[in-house]
Amino acid sequence: MREEKGISQTEFGKLCGVSRQTVSSIERGDYHPSIVLAIKIAHIFDKQVEELFWLEDEENEKL
């Protein structure tokens, strides 16, 4: 979604108040954002948190 909007990881990190490395980790799935950060990200994209983040069960199916 970030790339679709033409926003670099660095720019997006500044919008969210985190580093470029944090943005990269979230996008790779290596880091799960806090509730506060997830809400900030949802606001930036004008989406609901659940549209951007979800839980997966052990077989990688959305819950």
PDB file of N, CA and C in Angstrom:
ATOM      1  N   MET A   1       0.821  -1.181   0.000  1.00  0.00           N
ATOM      2  CA  MET A   1       0.000   0.000   0.000  1.00  0.00           C
ATOM      3  C   MET A   1       0.877   1.261   0.000  1.00  0.00           C
ATOM      4  N   ARG A   2       1.953   1.201   0.756  1.00  0.00           N
ATOM      5  CA  ARG A   2       2.872   2.339   0.804  1.00  0.00           C
ATOM      6  C   ARG A   2       3.452   2.604  -0.570  1.00  0.00           C
ATOM      7  N   GLU A   3       3.895   1.545  -1.233  1.00  0.00           N
ATOM      8  CA  GLU A   3       4.474   1.693  -2.571  1.00  0.00           C
ATOM      9  C   GLU A   3       3.445   2.202  -3.571  1.00  0.00           C
ATOM     10  N   GLU A   4       2.206   1.726  -3.457  1.00  0.00           N
ATOM     11  CA  GLU A   4       1.136   2.187  -4.352  1.00  0.00           C
ATOM     12  C   GLU A   4       0.936   3.697  -4.243  1.00  0.00           C
ATOM     13  N   LYS A   5       1.152   4.233  -3.058  1.00  0.00           N
ATOM     14  CA  LYS A   5       0.999   5.678  -2.823  1.00  0.00           C
ATOM     15  C   LYS A   5       2.261   6.457  -3.195  1.00  0.00           C
ATOM     16  N   GLY A   6       3.335   5.728  -3.579  1.00  0.00           N
ATOM     17  CA  GLY A   6       4.577   6.391  -3.967  1.00  0.00           C
ATOM     18  C   GLY A   6       5.340   7.000  -2.808  1.00  0.00           C
ATOM     19  N   ILE A   7       5.217   6.382  -1.630  1.00  0.00           N
ATOM     20  CA  ILE A   7       5.885   6.888  -0.432  1.00  0.00           C
ATOM     21  C   ILE A   7       7.077   5.979  -0.128  1.00  0.00           C
ATOM     22  N   SER A   8       8.248   6.559   0.089  1.00  0.00           N
ATOM     23  CA  SER A   8       9.432   5.761   0.443  1.00  0.00           C
ATOM     24  C   SER A   8       9.300   5.270   1.878  1.00  0.00           C
ATOM     25  N   GLN A   9      10.092   4.263   2.217  1.00  0.00           N
ATOM     26  CA  GLN A   9      10.092   3.768   3.591  1.00  0.00           C
ATOM     27  C   GLN A   9      10.531   4.847   4.563  1.00  0.00           C
ATOM     28  N   THR A  10      11.490   5.649   4.156  1.00  0.00           N
ATOM     29  CA  THR A  10      11.968   6.740   5.014  1.00  0.00           C
ATOM     30  C   THR A  10      10.860   7.756   5.263  1.00  0.00           C
ATOM     31  N   GLU A  11      10.173   8.178   4.195  1.00  0.00           N
ATOM     32  CA  GLU A  11       9.073   9.137   4.340  1.00  0.00           C
ATOM     33  C   GLU A  11       7.964   8.556   5.209  1.00  0.00           C
ATOM     34  N   PHE A  12       7.645   7.293   4.967  1.00  0.00           N
ATOM     35  CA  PHE A  12       6.571   6.652   5.731  1.00  0.00           C
ATOM     36  C   PHE A  12       6.942   6.548   7.202  1.00  0.00           C
ATOM     37  N   GLY A  13       8.197   6.209   7.462  1.00  0.00           N
ATOM     38  CA  GLY A  13       8.661   6.154   8.845  1.00  0.00           C
ATOM     39  C   GLY A  13       8.496   7.488   9.548  1.00  0.00           C
ATOM     40  N   LYS A  14       8.818   8.574   8.845  1.00  0.00           N
ATOM     41  CA  LYS A  14       8.655   9.908   9.439  1.00  0.00           C
ATOM     42  C   LYS A  14       7.187  10.201   9.730  1.00  0.00           C
ATOM     43  N   LEU A  15       6.293   9.805   8.819  1.00  0.00           N
ATOM     44  CA  LEU A  15       4.856  10.014   9.036  1.00  0.00           C
ATOM     45  C   LEU A  15       4.366   9.252  10.269  1.00  0.00           C
ATOM     46  N   CYS A  16       4.935   8.068  10.486  1.00  0.00           N
ATOM     47  CA  CYS A  16       4.513   7.198  11.588  1.00  0.00           C
ATOM     48  C   CYS A  16       5.284   7.439  12.876  1.00  0.00           C
ATOM     49  N   GLY A  17       6.423   8.130  12.771  1.00  0.00           N
ATOM     50  CA  GLY A  17       7.250   8.361  13.946  1.00  0.00           C
ATOM     51  C   GLY A  17       8.158   7.185  14.281  1.00  0.00           C
ATOM     52  N   VAL A  18       8.532   6.399  13.244  1.00  0.00           N
ATOM     53  CA  VAL A  18       9.429   5.263  13.434  1.00  0.00           C
ATOM     54  C   VAL A  18      10.552   5.324  12.395  1.00  0.00           C
ATOM     55  N   SER A  19      11.513   4.442  12.531  1.00  0.00           N
ATOM     56  CA  SER A  19      12.631   4.422  11.590  1.00  0.00           C
ATOM     57  C   SER A  19      12.259   3.692  10.289  1.00  0.00           C
ATOM     58  N   ARG A  20      13.087   3.894   9.275  1.00  0.00           N
ATOM     59  CA  ARG A  20      12.913   3.176   8.014  1.00  0.00           C
ATOM     60  C   ARG A  20      13.055   1.678   8.249  1.00  0.00           C
ATOM     61  N   GLN A  21      13.952   1.306   9.159  1.00  0.00           N
ATOM     62  CA  GLN A  21      14.166  -0.095   9.472  1.00  0.00           C
ATOM     63  C   GLN A  21      12.921  -0.739  10.072  1.00  0.00           C
ATOM     64  N   THR A  22      12.212   0.005  10.899  1.00  0.00           N
ATOM     65  CA  THR A  22      10.969  -0.504  11.482  1.00  0.00           C
ATOM     66  C   THR A  22       9.935  -0.729  10.393  1.00  0.00           C
ATOM     67  N   VAL A  23       9.817   0.221   9.471  1.00  0.00           N
ATOM     68  CA  VAL A  23       8.876   0.076   8.354  1.00  0.00           C
ATOM     69  C   VAL A  23       9.228  -1.173   7.559  1.00  0.00           C
ATOM     70  N   SER A  24      10.501  -1.348   7.255  1.00  0.00           N
ATOM     71  CA  SER A  24      10.953  -2.514   6.503  1.00  0.00           C
ATOM     72  C   SER A  24      10.617  -3.810   7.245  1.00  0.00           C
ATOM     73  N   SER A  25      10.840  -3.841   8.537  1.00  0.00           N
ATOM     74  CA  SER A  25      10.553  -5.037   9.341  1.00  0.00           C
ATOM     75  C   SER A  25       9.065  -5.365   9.362  1.00  0.00           C
ATOM     76  N   ILE A  26       8.227  -4.348   9.454  1.00  0.00           N
ATOM     77  CA  ILE A  26       6.775  -4.558   9.425  1.00  0.00           C
ATOM     78  C   ILE A  26       6.369  -5.134   8.079  1.00  0.00           C
ATOM     79  N   GLU A  27       6.884  -4.556   7.008  1.00  0.00           N
ATOM     80  CA  GLU A  27       6.524  -5.009   5.669  1.00  0.00           C
ATOM     81  C   GLU A  27       6.975  -6.449   5.406  1.00  0.00           C
ATOM     82  N   ARG A  28       8.097  -6.847   5.971  1.00  0.00           N
ATOM     83  CA  ARG A  28       8.594  -8.222   5.801  1.00  0.00           C
ATOM     84  C   ARG A  28       7.865  -9.203   6.707  1.00  0.00           C
ATOM     85  N   GLY A  29       7.146  -8.684   7.699  1.00  0.00           N
ATOM     86  CA  GLY A  29       6.465  -9.551   8.655  1.00  0.00           C
ATOM     87  C   GLY A  29       7.351  -9.995   9.804  1.00  0.00           C
ATOM     88  N   ASP A  30       8.512  -9.338   9.949  1.00  0.00           N
ATOM     89  CA  ASP A  30       9.438  -9.670  11.026  1.00  0.00           C
ATOM     90  C   ASP A  30       9.105  -8.943  12.331  1.00  0.00           C
ATOM     91  N   TYR A  31       8.256  -7.933  12.245  1.00  0.00           N
ATOM     92  CA  TYR A  31       7.922  -7.114  13.414  1.00  0.00           C
ATOM     93  C   TYR A  31       6.437  -6.808  13.370  1.00  0.00           C
ATOM     94  N   HIS A  32       5.786  -6.972  14.512  1.00  0.00           N
ATOM     95  CA  HIS A  32       4.363  -6.644  14.617  1.00  0.00           C
ATOM     96  C   HIS A  32       4.237  -5.313  15.348  1.00  0.00           C
ATOM     97  N   PRO A  33       3.598  -4.337  14.716  1.00  0.00           N
ATOM     98  CA  PRO A  33       3.520  -3.013  15.340  1.00  0.00           C
ATOM     99  C   PRO A  33       2.645  -3.011  16.589  1.00  0.00           C
ATOM    100  N   SER A  34       2.916  -2.047  17.445  1.00  0.00           N
ATOM    101  CA  SER A  34       2.059  -1.846  18.615  1.00  0.00           C
ATOM    102  C   SER A  34       0.676  -1.420  18.136  1.00  0.00           C
ATOM    103  N   ILE A  35      -0.270  -1.462  19.025  1.00  0.00           N
ATOM    104  CA  ILE A  35      -1.631  -1.022  18.693  1.00  0.00           C
ATOM    105  C   ILE A  35      -1.611   0.440  18.250  1.00  0.00           C
ATOM    106  N   VAL A  36      -0.872   1.267  18.963  1.00  0.00           N
ATOM    107  CA  VAL A  36      -0.801   2.691  18.641  1.00  0.00           C
ATOM    108  C   VAL A  36      -0.227   2.890  17.242  1.00  0.00           C
ATOM    109  N   LEU A  37       0.857   2.195  16.917  1.00  0.00           N
ATOM    110  CA  LEU A  37       1.462   2.322  15.599  1.00  0.00           C
ATOM    111  C   LEU A  37       0.533   1.777  14.515  1.00  0.00           C
ATOM    112  N   ALA A  38      -0.138   0.674  14.778  1.00  0.00           N
ATOM    113  CA  ALA A  38      -1.082   0.118  13.799  1.00  0.00           C
ATOM    114  C   ALA A  38      -2.212   1.109  13.508  1.00  0.00           C
ATOM    115  N   ILE A  39      -2.681   1.796  14.528  1.00  0.00           N
ATOM    116  CA  ILE A  39      -3.738   2.800  14.340  1.00  0.00           C
ATOM    117  C   ILE A  39      -3.211   3.981  13.531  1.00  0.00           C
ATOM    118  N   LYS A  40      -1.982   4.436  13.818  1.00  0.00           N
ATOM    119  CA  LYS A  40      -1.383   5.528  13.038  1.00  0.00           C
ATOM    120  C   LYS A  40      -1.288   5.140  11.568  1.00  0.00           C
ATOM    121  N   ILE A  41      -0.817   3.923  11.301  1.00  0.00           N
ATOM    122  CA  ILE A  41      -0.675   3.451   9.922  1.00  0.00           C
ATOM    123  C   ILE A  41      -2.041   3.405   9.239  1.00  0.00           C
ATOM    124  N   ALA A  42      -3.044   2.892   9.940  1.00  0.00           N
ATOM    125  CA  ALA A  42      -4.398   2.835   9.373  1.00  0.00           C
ATOM    126  C   ALA A  42      -4.914   4.233   9.043  1.00  0.00           C
ATOM    127  N   HIS A  43      -4.679   5.194   9.934  1.00  0.00           N
ATOM    128  CA  HIS A  43      -5.105   6.575   9.684  1.00  0.00           C
ATOM    129  C   HIS A  43      -4.434   7.147   8.436  1.00  0.00           C
ATOM    130  N   ILE A  44      -3.154   6.883   8.279  1.00  0.00           N
ATOM    131  CA  ILE A  44      -2.420   7.406   7.120  1.00  0.00           C
ATOM    132  C   ILE A  44      -3.036   6.904   5.824  1.00  0.00           C
ATOM    133  N   PHE A  45      -3.472   5.643   5.826  1.00  0.00           N
ATOM    134  CA  PHE A  45      -4.052   5.057   4.620  1.00  0.00           C
ATOM    135  C   PHE A  45      -5.572   5.177   4.569  1.00  0.00           C
ATOM    136  N   ASP A  46      -6.169   5.825   5.572  1.00  0.00           N
ATOM    137  CA  ASP A  46      -7.614   5.975   5.657  1.00  0.00           C
ATOM    138  C   ASP A  46      -8.306   4.609   5.587  1.00  0.00           C
ATOM    139  N   LYS A  47      -7.793   3.679   6.388  1.00  0.00           N
ATOM    140  CA  LYS A  47      -8.310   2.312   6.441  1.00  0.00           C
ATOM    141  C   LYS A  47      -8.584   1.935   7.884  1.00  0.00           C
ATOM    142  N   GLN A  48      -9.318   0.841   8.065  1.00  0.00           N
ATOM    143  CA  GLN A  48      -9.499   0.249   9.378  1.00  0.00           C
ATOM    144  C   GLN A  48      -8.266  -0.615   9.671  1.00  0.00           C
ATOM    145  N   VAL A  49      -7.885  -0.712  10.930  1.00  0.00           N
ATOM    146  CA  VAL A  49      -6.719  -1.511  11.308  1.00  0.00           C
ATOM    147  C   VAL A  49      -6.851  -2.941  10.767  1.00  0.00           C
ATOM    148  N   GLU A  50      -8.064  -3.502  10.842  1.00  0.00           N
ATOM    149  CA  GLU A  50      -8.293  -4.878  10.418  1.00  0.00           C
ATOM    150  C   GLU A  50      -8.092  -5.079   8.912  1.00  0.00           C
ATOM    151  N   GLU A  51      -8.118  -4.001   8.146  1.00  0.00           N
ATOM    152  CA  GLU A  51      -7.864  -4.113   6.709  1.00  0.00           C
ATOM    153  C   GLU A  51      -6.369  -4.253   6.422  1.00  0.00           C
ATOM    154  N   LEU A  52      -5.542  -3.842   7.365  1.00  0.00           N
ATOM    155  CA  LEU A  52      -4.097  -3.853   7.172  1.00  0.00           C
ATOM    156  C   LEU A  52      -3.389  -4.935   7.974  1.00  0.00           C
ATOM    157  N   PHE A  53      -3.946  -5.288   9.128  1.00  0.00           N
ATOM    158  CA  PHE A  53      -3.313  -6.258  10.020  1.00  0.00           C
ATOM    159  C   PHE A  53      -4.347  -7.281  10.468  1.00  0.00           C
ATOM    160  N   TRP A  54      -3.919  -8.556  10.551  1.00  0.00           N
ATOM    161  CA  TRP A  54      -4.818  -9.608  10.992  1.00  0.00           C
ATOM    162  C   TRP A  54      -4.010 -10.714  11.642  1.00  0.00           C
ATOM    163  N   LEU A  55      -4.707 -11.543  12.396  1.00  0.00           N
ATOM    164  CA  LEU A  55      -4.091 -12.706  13.020  1.00  0.00           C
ATOM    165  C   LEU A  55      -4.154 -13.866  12.044  1.00  0.00           C
ATOM    166  N   GLU A  56      -3.158 -14.737  12.104  1.00  0.00           N
ATOM    167  CA  GLU A  56      -3.172 -15.950  11.303  1.00  0.00           C
ATOM    168  C   GLU A  56      -3.039 -17.140  12.239  1.00  0.00           C
ATOM    169  N   ASP A  57      -3.714 -18.227  11.888  1.00  0.00           N
ATOM    170  CA  ASP A  57      -3.561 -19.435  12.691  1.00  0.00           C
ATOM    171  C   ASP A  57      -2.281 -20.159  12.279  1.00  0.00           C
ATOM    172  N   GLU A  58      -2.061 -21.326  12.813  1.00  0.00           N
ATOM    173  CA  GLU A  58      -0.833 -22.058  12.551  1.00  0.00           C
ATOM    174  C   GLU A  58      -0.669 -22.459  11.084  1.00  0.00           C
ATOM    175  N   GLU A  59      -1.767 -22.504  10.335  1.00  0.00           N
ATOM    176  CA  GLU A  59      -1.702 -22.867   8.918  1.00  0.00           C
ATOM    177  C   GLU A  59      -1.732 -21.630   8.018  1.00  0.00           C
ATOM    178  N   ASN A  60      -1.429 -20.460   8.624  1.00  0.00           N
ATOM    179  CA  ASN A  60      -1.392 -19.182   7.915  1.00  0.00           C
ATOM    180  C   ASN A  60      -2.713 -18.780   7.285  1.00  0.00           C
ATOM    181  N   GLU A  61      -3.809 -19.143   7.940  1.00  0.00           N
ATOM    182  CA  GLU A  61      -5.125 -18.709   7.490  1.00  0.00           C
ATOM    183  C   GLU A  61      -5.587 -17.575   8.389  1.00  0.00           C
ATOM    184  N   LYS A  62      -6.242 -16.570   7.777  1.00  0.00           N
ATOM    185  CA  LYS A  62      -6.742 -15.441   8.576  1.00  0.00           C
ATOM    186  C   LYS A  62      -7.774 -15.923   9.563  1.00  0.00           C
ATOM    187  N   LEU A  63      -7.717 -15.358  10.777  1.00  0.00           N
ATOM    188  CA  LEU A  63      -8.713 -15.664  11.786  1.00  0.00           C
ATOM    189  C   LEU A  63      -9.809 -14.624  11.756  1.00  0.00           C
TER     190      LEU A  63
END
